Amino acid sequence: MADSDKVFAGSIPKFYDTLMVPLIFQAYADHLAQLVAGSSPGSVLETAAGSGVVTRALAPQLKPDARYLVTDLN
């Protein structure tokens, strides 16, 4: 393997948000947000939030008085 094949440089979050999220995760996040919001929850715990794609999809759909706690280890 060439040394250049081992290098992963640049902003990983930027590449993830601009390439991976739209390609793989956005449709899933939108669908999940619709399902969760449809149950009108009073509180939501989101774990492993990562880039926040589900958070951005769900937060605007929750009731104004809903509690939303979002966590991620990174």
PDB file of N, CA and C in Angstrom:
ATOM      1  N   MET A   1       0.853  -1.170   0.000  1.00  0.00           N
ATOM      2  CA  MET A   1       0.000   0.000   0.000  1.00  0.00           C
ATOM      3  C   MET A   1       0.898   1.232   0.000  1.00  0.00           C
ATOM      4  N   ALA A   2       0.600   2.165  -0.859  1.00  0.00           N
ATOM      5  CA  ALA A   2       1.373   3.402  -0.923  1.00  0.00           C
ATOM      6  C   ALA A   2       1.107   4.237   0.318  1.00  0.00           C
ATOM      7  N   ASP A   3       2.123   4.997   0.743  1.00  0.00           N
ATOM      8  CA  ASP A   3       1.961   5.843   1.927  1.00  0.00           C
ATOM      9  C   ASP A   3       0.815   6.831   1.755  1.00  0.00           C
ATOM     10  N   SER A   4       0.604   7.310   0.547  1.00  0.00           N
ATOM     11  CA  SER A   4      -0.471   8.284   0.322  1.00  0.00           C
ATOM     12  C   SER A   4      -1.848   7.666   0.549  1.00  0.00           C
ATOM     13  N   ASP A   5      -1.967   6.345   0.428  1.00  0.00           N
ATOM     14  CA  ASP A   5      -3.240   5.678   0.662  1.00  0.00           C
ATOM     15  C   ASP A   5      -3.609   5.632   2.138  1.00  0.00           C
ATOM     16  N   LYS A   6      -2.655   5.846   3.007  1.00  0.00           N
ATOM     17  CA  LYS A   6      -2.885   5.781   4.444  1.00  0.00           C
ATOM     18  C   LYS A   6      -3.289   7.126   5.031  1.00  0.00           C
ATOM     19  N   VAL A   7      -3.156   8.198   4.271  1.00  0.00           N
ATOM     20  CA  VAL A   7      -3.384   9.540   4.788  1.00  0.00           C
ATOM     21  C   VAL A   7      -4.862   9.904   4.666  1.00  0.00           C
ATOM     22  N   PHE A   8      -5.438  10.297   5.779  1.00  0.00           N
ATOM     23  CA  PHE A   8      -6.792  10.842   5.782  1.00  0.00           C
ATOM     24  C   PHE A   8      -6.687  12.207   6.427  1.00  0.00           C
ATOM     25  N   ALA A   9      -6.600  13.224   5.608  1.00  0.00           N
ATOM     26  CA  ALA A   9      -6.334  14.568   6.117  1.00  0.00           C
ATOM     27  C   ALA A   9      -7.511  15.484   5.826  1.00  0.00           C
ATOM     28  N   GLY A  10      -7.513  16.595   6.515  1.00  0.00           N
ATOM     29  CA  GLY A  10      -8.559  17.587   6.320  1.00  0.00           C
ATOM     30  C   GLY A  10      -9.568  17.525   7.451  1.00  0.00           C
ATOM     31  N   SER A  11     -10.668  18.187   7.255  1.00  0.00           N
ATOM     32  CA  SER A  11     -11.712  18.252   8.267  1.00  0.00           C
ATOM     33  C   SER A  11     -12.680  17.083   8.095  1.00  0.00           C
ATOM     34  N   ILE A  12     -12.561  16.106   8.952  1.00  0.00           N
ATOM     35  CA  ILE A  12     -13.441  14.942   8.873  1.00  0.00           C
ATOM     36  C   ILE A  12     -14.904  15.346   9.065  1.00  0.00           C
ATOM     37  N   PRO A  13     -15.247  16.176  10.065  1.00  0.00           N
ATOM     38  CA  PRO A  13     -16.649  16.583  10.198  1.00  0.00           C
ATOM     39  C   PRO A  13     -17.184  17.300   8.957  1.00  0.00           C
ATOM     40  N   LYS A  14     -16.348  18.118   8.326  1.00  0.00           N
ATOM     41  CA  LYS A  14     -16.798  18.828   7.123  1.00  0.00           C
ATOM     42  C   LYS A  14     -17.130  17.838   6.014  1.00  0.00           C
ATOM     43  N   PHE A  15     -16.244  16.877   5.766  1.00  0.00           N
ATOM     44  CA  PHE A  15     -16.508  15.871   4.735  1.00  0.00           C
ATOM     45  C   PHE A  15     -17.741  15.038   5.087  1.00  0.00           C
ATOM     46  N   TYR A  16     -17.873  14.708   6.342  1.00  0.00           N
ATOM     47  CA  TYR A  16     -19.015  13.914   6.786  1.00  0.00           C
ATOM     48  C   TYR A  16     -20.312  14.668   6.526  1.00  0.00           C
ATOM     49  N   ASP A  17     -20.366  15.948   6.968  1.00  0.00           N
ATOM     50  CA  ASP A  17     -21.586  16.742   6.814  1.00  0.00           C
ATOM     51  C   ASP A  17     -21.920  17.053   5.363  1.00  0.00           C
ATOM     52  N   THR A  18     -20.906  17.297   4.547  1.00  0.00           N
ATOM     53  CA  THR A  18     -21.184  17.685   3.164  1.00  0.00           C
ATOM     54  C   THR A  18     -21.362  16.499   2.224  1.00  0.00           C
ATOM     55  N   LEU A  19     -20.798  15.349   2.558  1.00  0.00           N
ATOM     56  CA  LEU A  19     -20.883  14.198   1.657  1.00  0.00           C
ATOM     57  C   LEU A  19     -21.731  13.053   2.217  1.00  0.00           C
ATOM     58  N   MET A  20     -21.412  12.610   3.417  1.00  0.00           N
ATOM     59  CA  MET A  20     -22.077  11.430   3.967  1.00  0.00           C
ATOM     60  C   MET A  20     -23.519  11.698   4.399  1.00  0.00           C
ATOM     61  N   VAL A  21     -23.736  12.820   5.075  1.00  0.00           N
ATOM     62  CA  VAL A  21     -25.088  13.105   5.566  1.00  0.00           C
ATOM     63  C   VAL A  21     -26.089  13.176   4.418  1.00  0.00           C
ATOM     64  N   PRO A  22     -25.860  13.998   3.392  1.00  0.00           N
ATOM     65  CA  PRO A  22     -26.858  14.051   2.314  1.00  0.00           C
ATOM     66  C   PRO A  22     -27.016  12.722   1.570  1.00  0.00           C
ATOM     67  N   LEU A  23     -25.934  12.014   1.393  1.00  0.00           N
ATOM     68  CA  LEU A  23     -25.964  10.781   0.613  1.00  0.00           C
ATOM     69  C   LEU A  23     -26.620   9.620   1.354  1.00  0.00           C
ATOM     70  N   ILE A  24     -26.342   9.509   2.645  1.00  0.00           N
ATOM     71  CA  ILE A  24     -26.767   8.323   3.387  1.00  0.00           C
ATOM     72  C   ILE A  24     -27.780   8.611   4.495  1.00  0.00           C
ATOM     73  N   PHE A  25     -27.583   9.675   5.259  1.00  0.00           N
ATOM     74  CA  PHE A  25     -28.314   9.839   6.513  1.00  0.00           C
ATOM     75  C   PHE A  25     -29.499  10.799   6.493  1.00  0.00           C
ATOM     76  N   GLN A  26     -29.565  11.738   5.575  1.00  0.00           N
ATOM     77  CA  GLN A  26     -30.610  12.765   5.636  1.00  0.00           C
ATOM     78  C   GLN A  26     -32.016  12.181   5.511  1.00  0.00           C
ATOM     79  N   ALA A  27     -32.232  11.303   4.561  1.00  0.00           N
ATOM     80  CA  ALA A  27     -33.567  10.714   4.381  1.00  0.00           C
ATOM     81  C   ALA A  27     -33.981   9.921   5.621  1.00  0.00           C
ATOM     82  N   TYR A  28     -33.043   9.183   6.195  1.00  0.00           N
ATOM     83  CA  TYR A  28     -33.325   8.434   7.423  1.00  0.00           C
ATOM     84  C   TYR A  28     -33.676   9.388   8.565  1.00  0.00           C
ATOM     85  N   ALA A  29     -32.907  10.457   8.709  1.00  0.00           N
ATOM     86  CA  ALA A  29     -33.154  11.430   9.777  1.00  0.00           C
ATOM     87  C   ALA A  29     -34.523  12.081   9.620  1.00  0.00           C
ATOM     88  N   ASP A  30     -34.873  12.450   8.404  1.00  0.00           N
ATOM     89  CA  ASP A  30     -36.176  13.070   8.152  1.00  0.00           C
ATOM     90  C   ASP A  30     -37.312  12.107   8.488  1.00  0.00           C
ATOM     91  N   HIS A  31     -37.158  10.851   8.097  1.00  0.00           N
ATOM     92  CA  HIS A  31     -38.189   9.844   8.375  1.00  0.00           C
ATOM     93  C   HIS A  31     -38.316   9.591   9.877  1.00  0.00           C
ATOM     94  N   LEU A  32     -37.192   9.438  10.549  1.00  0.00           N
ATOM     95  CA  LEU A  32     -37.204   9.215  11.992  1.00  0.00           C
ATOM     96  C   LEU A  32     -37.828  10.403  12.723  1.00  0.00           C
ATOM     97  N   ALA A  33     -37.477  11.608  12.317  1.00  0.00           N
ATOM     98  CA  ALA A  33     -38.035  12.810  12.943  1.00  0.00           C
ATOM     99  C   ALA A  33     -39.553  12.856  12.768  1.00  0.00           C
ATOM    100  N   GLN A  34     -40.029  12.496  11.599  1.00  0.00           N
ATOM    101  CA  GLN A  34     -41.467  12.483  11.344  1.00  0.00           C
ATOM    102  C   GLN A  34     -42.170  11.467  12.245  1.00  0.00           C
ATOM    103  N   LEU A  35     -41.585  10.290  12.389  1.00  0.00           N
ATOM    104  CA  LEU A  35     -42.175   9.262  13.249  1.00  0.00           C
ATOM    105  C   LEU A  35     -42.210   9.697  14.710  1.00  0.00           C
ATOM    106  N   VAL A  36     -41.105  10.220  15.197  1.00  0.00           N
ATOM    107  CA  VAL A  36     -41.031  10.636  16.602  1.00  0.00           C
ATOM    108  C   VAL A  36     -41.968  11.810  16.859  1.00  0.00           C
ATOM    109  N   ALA A  37     -41.914  12.820  16.027  1.00  0.00           N
ATOM    110  CA  ALA A  37     -42.759  14.002  16.222  1.00  0.00           C
ATOM    111  C   ALA A  37     -44.238  13.640  16.121  1.00  0.00           C
ATOM    112  N   GLY A  38     -44.557  12.649  15.308  1.00  0.00           N
ATOM    113  CA  GLY A  38     -45.945  12.224  15.154  1.00  0.00           C
ATOM    114  C   GLY A  38     -46.554  11.664  16.421  1.00  0.00           C
ATOM    115  N   SER A  39     -45.730  11.222  17.342  1.00  0.00           N
ATOM    116  CA  SER A  39     -46.238  10.706  18.613  1.00  0.00           C
ATOM    117  C   SER A  39     -46.373  11.801  19.667  1.00  0.00           C
ATOM    118  N   SER A  40     -46.055  13.040  19.304  1.00  0.00           N
ATOM    119  CA  SER A  40     -46.156  14.208  20.207  1.00  0.00           C
ATOM    120  C   SER A  40     -45.514  13.954  21.566  1.00  0.00           C
ATOM    121  N   PRO A  41     -44.239  13.598  21.595  1.00  0.00           N
ATOM    122  CA  PRO A  41     -43.598  13.291  22.877  1.00  0.00           C
ATOM    123  C   PRO A  41     -43.424  14.542  23.741  1.00  0.00           C
ATOM    124  N   GLY A  42     -43.517  14.341  25.044  1.00  0.00           N
ATOM    125  CA  GLY A  42     -43.253  15.433  25.974  1.00  0.00           C
ATOM    126  C   GLY A  42     -41.773  15.599  26.241  1.00  0.00           C
ATOM    127  N   SER A  43     -41.023  14.516  26.030  1.00  0.00           N
ATOM    128  CA  SER A  43     -39.572  14.577  26.190  1.00  0.00           C
ATOM    129  C   SER A  43     -38.921  13.560  25.253  1.00  0.00           C
ATOM    130  N   VAL A  44     -37.716  13.903  24.824  1.00  0.00           N
ATOM    131  CA  VAL A  44     -36.949  13.053  23.915  1.00  0.00           C
ATOM    132  C   VAL A  44     -35.512  13.011  24.408  1.00  0.00           C
ATOM    133  N   LEU A  45     -34.930  11.820  24.452  1.00  0.00           N
ATOM    134  CA  LEU A  45     -33.512  11.645  24.737  1.00  0.00           C
ATOM    135  C   LEU A  45     -32.869  11.090  23.475  1.00  0.00           C
ATOM    136  N   GLU A  46     -31.989  11.861  22.883  1.00  0.00           N
ATOM    137  CA  GLU A  46     -31.267  11.412  21.697  1.00  0.00           C
ATOM    138  C   GLU A  46     -29.835  11.105  22.103  1.00  0.00           C
ATOM    139  N   THR A  47     -29.420   9.870  21.918  1.00  0.00           N
ATOM    140  CA  THR A  47     -28.048   9.475  22.237  1.00  0.00           C
ATOM    141  C   THR A  47     -27.268   9.256  20.948  1.00  0.00           C
ATOM    142  N   ALA A  48     -25.958   9.391  21.041  1.00  0.00           N
ATOM    143  CA  ALA A  48     -25.081   9.232  19.872  1.00  0.00           C
ATOM    144  C   ALA A  48     -25.511  10.162  18.746  1.00  0.00           C
ATOM    145  N   ALA A  49     -25.683  11.436  19.077  1.00  0.00           N
ATOM    146  CA  ALA A  49     -26.218  12.414  18.128  1.00  0.00           C
ATOM    147  C   ALA A  49     -25.277  12.722  16.972  1.00  0.00           C
ATOM    148  N   GLY A  50     -24.007  12.441  17.148  1.00  0.00           N
ATOM    149  CA  GLY A  50     -23.060  12.625  16.045  1.00  0.00           C
ATOM    150  C   GLY A  50     -23.074  14.020  15.463  1.00  0.00           C
ATOM    151  N   SER A  51     -23.291  14.098  14.169  1.00  0.00           N
ATOM    152  CA  SER A  51     -23.248  15.388  13.472  1.00  0.00           C
ATOM    153  C   SER A  51     -24.483  16.237  13.728  1.00  0.00           C
ATOM    154  N   GLY A  52     -25.499  15.656  14.323  1.00  0.00           N
ATOM    155  CA  GLY A  52     -26.711  16.408  14.624  1.00  0.00           C
ATOM    156  C   GLY A  52     -27.757  16.368  13.527  1.00  0.00           C
ATOM    157  N   VAL A  53     -27.629  15.461  12.581  1.00  0.00           N
ATOM    158  CA  VAL A  53     -28.583  15.416  11.473  1.00  0.00           C
ATOM    159  C   VAL A  53     -29.998  15.108  11.965  1.00  0.00           C
ATOM    160  N   VAL A  54     -30.150  14.197  12.910  1.00  0.00           N
ATOM    161  CA  VAL A  54     -31.476  13.907  13.454  1.00  0.00           C
ATOM    162  C   VAL A  54     -31.951  15.070  14.314  1.00  0.00           C
ATOM    163  N   THR A  55     -31.060  15.643  15.076  1.00  0.00           N
ATOM    164  CA  THR A  55     -31.406  16.789  15.919  1.00  0.00           C
ATOM    165  C   THR A  55     -31.985  17.921  15.082  1.00  0.00           C
ATOM    166  N   ARG A  56     -31.308  18.251  13.990  1.00  0.00           N
ATOM    167  CA  ARG A  56     -31.779  19.340  13.121  1.00  0.00           C
ATOM    168  C   ARG A  56     -33.118  19.010  12.464  1.00  0.00           C
ATOM    169  N   ALA A  57     -33.357  17.740  12.191  1.00  0.00           N
ATOM    170  CA  ALA A  57     -34.620  17.347  11.572  1.00  0.00           C
ATOM    171  C   ALA A  57     -35.764  17.307  12.580  1.00  0.00           C
ATOM    172  N   LEU A  58     -35.471  16.889  13.802  1.00  0.00           N
ATOM    173  CA  LEU A  58     -36.523  16.686  14.797  1.00  0.00           C
ATOM    174  C   LEU A  58     -36.879  17.935  15.589  1.00  0.00           C
ATOM    175  N   ALA A  59     -35.909  18.698  16.008  1.00  0.00           N
ATOM    176  CA  ALA A  59     -36.159  19.833  16.907  1.00  0.00           C
ATOM    177  C   ALA A  59     -37.275  20.763  16.425  1.00  0.00           C
ATOM    178  N   PRO A  60     -37.300  21.171  15.168  1.00  0.00           N
ATOM    179  CA  PRO A  60     -38.365  22.085  14.731  1.00  0.00           C
ATOM    180  C   PRO A  60     -39.758  21.454  14.732  1.00  0.00           C
ATOM    181  N   GLN A  61     -39.837  20.137  14.785  1.00  0.00           N
ATOM    182  CA  GLN A  61     -41.131  19.458  14.728  1.00  0.00           C
ATOM    183  C   GLN A  61     -41.724  19.160  16.104  1.00  0.00           C
ATOM    184  N   LEU A  62     -40.935  19.339  17.154  1.00  0.00           N
ATOM    185  CA  LEU A  62     -41.428  19.050  18.501  1.00  0.00           C
ATOM    186  C   LEU A  62     -42.324  20.171  19.004  1.00  0.00           C
ATOM    187  N   LYS A  63     -43.198  19.817  19.952  1.00  0.00           N
ATOM    188  CA  LYS A  63     -44.036  20.827  20.592  1.00  0.00           C
ATOM    189  C   LYS A  63     -43.132  21.828  21.303  1.00  0.00           C
ATOM    190  N   PRO A  64     -43.551  23.092  21.389  1.00  0.00           N
ATOM    191  CA  PRO A  64     -42.708  24.114  22.031  1.00  0.00           C
ATOM    192  C   PRO A  64     -42.323  23.781  23.471  1.00  0.00           C
ATOM    193  N   ASP A  65     -43.178  23.055  24.184  1.00  0.00           N
ATOM    194  CA  ASP A  65     -42.877  22.743  25.586  1.00  0.00           C
ATOM    195  C   ASP A  65     -42.196  21.379  25.763  1.00  0.00           C
ATOM    196  N   ALA A  66     -41.859  20.710  24.670  1.00  0.00           N
ATOM    197  CA  ALA A  66     -41.185  19.408  24.766  1.00  0.00           C
ATOM    198  C   ALA A  66     -39.750  19.595  25.255  1.00  0.00           C
ATOM    199  N   ARG A  67     -39.301  18.658  26.060  1.00  0.00           N
ATOM    200  CA  ARG A  67     -37.910  18.667  26.524  1.00  0.00           C
ATOM    201  C   ARG A  67     -37.104  17.764  25.603  1.00  0.00           C
ATOM    202  N   TYR A  68     -35.948  18.249  25.191  1.00  0.00           N
ATOM    203  CA  TYR A  68     -35.124  17.518  24.224  1.00  0.00           C
ATOM    204  C   TYR A  68     -33.694  17.531  24.723  1.00  0.00           C
ATOM    205  N   LEU A  69     -33.177  16.365  25.110  1.00  0.00           N
ATOM    206  CA  LEU A  69     -31.803  16.234  25.583  1.00  0.00           C
ATOM    207  C   LEU A  69     -31.028  15.441  24.542  1.00  0.00           C
ATOM    208  N   VAL A  70     -29.947  16.032  24.053  1.00  0.00           N
ATOM    209  CA  VAL A  70     -29.140  15.435  22.993  1.00  0.00           C
ATOM    210  C   VAL A  70     -27.733  15.208  23.530  1.00  0.00           C
ATOM    211  N   THR A  71     -27.208  13.992  23.340  1.00  0.00           N
ATOM    212  CA  THR A  71     -25.870  13.674  23.843  1.00  0.00           C
ATOM    213  C   THR A  71     -25.029  13.000  22.761  1.00  0.00           C
ATOM    214  N   ASP A  72     -23.722  13.111  22.927  1.00  0.00           N
ATOM    215  CA  ASP A  72     -22.769  12.407  22.079  1.00  0.00           C
ATOM    216  C   ASP A  72     -21.443  12.349  22.828  1.00  0.00           C
ATOM    217  N   LEU A  73     -20.732  11.266  22.694  1.00  0.00           N
ATOM    218  CA  LEU A  73     -19.461  11.122  23.401  1.00  0.00           C
ATOM    219  C   LEU A  73     -18.352  11.977  22.813  1.00  0.00           C
ATOM    220  N   ASN A  74     -18.427  12.294  21.547  1.00  0.00           N
ATOM    221  CA  ASN A  74     -17.375  13.103  20.934  1.00  0.00           C
ATOM    222  C   ASN A  74     -17.692  14.550  21.140  1.00  0.00           C
TER     223      ASN A  74
END
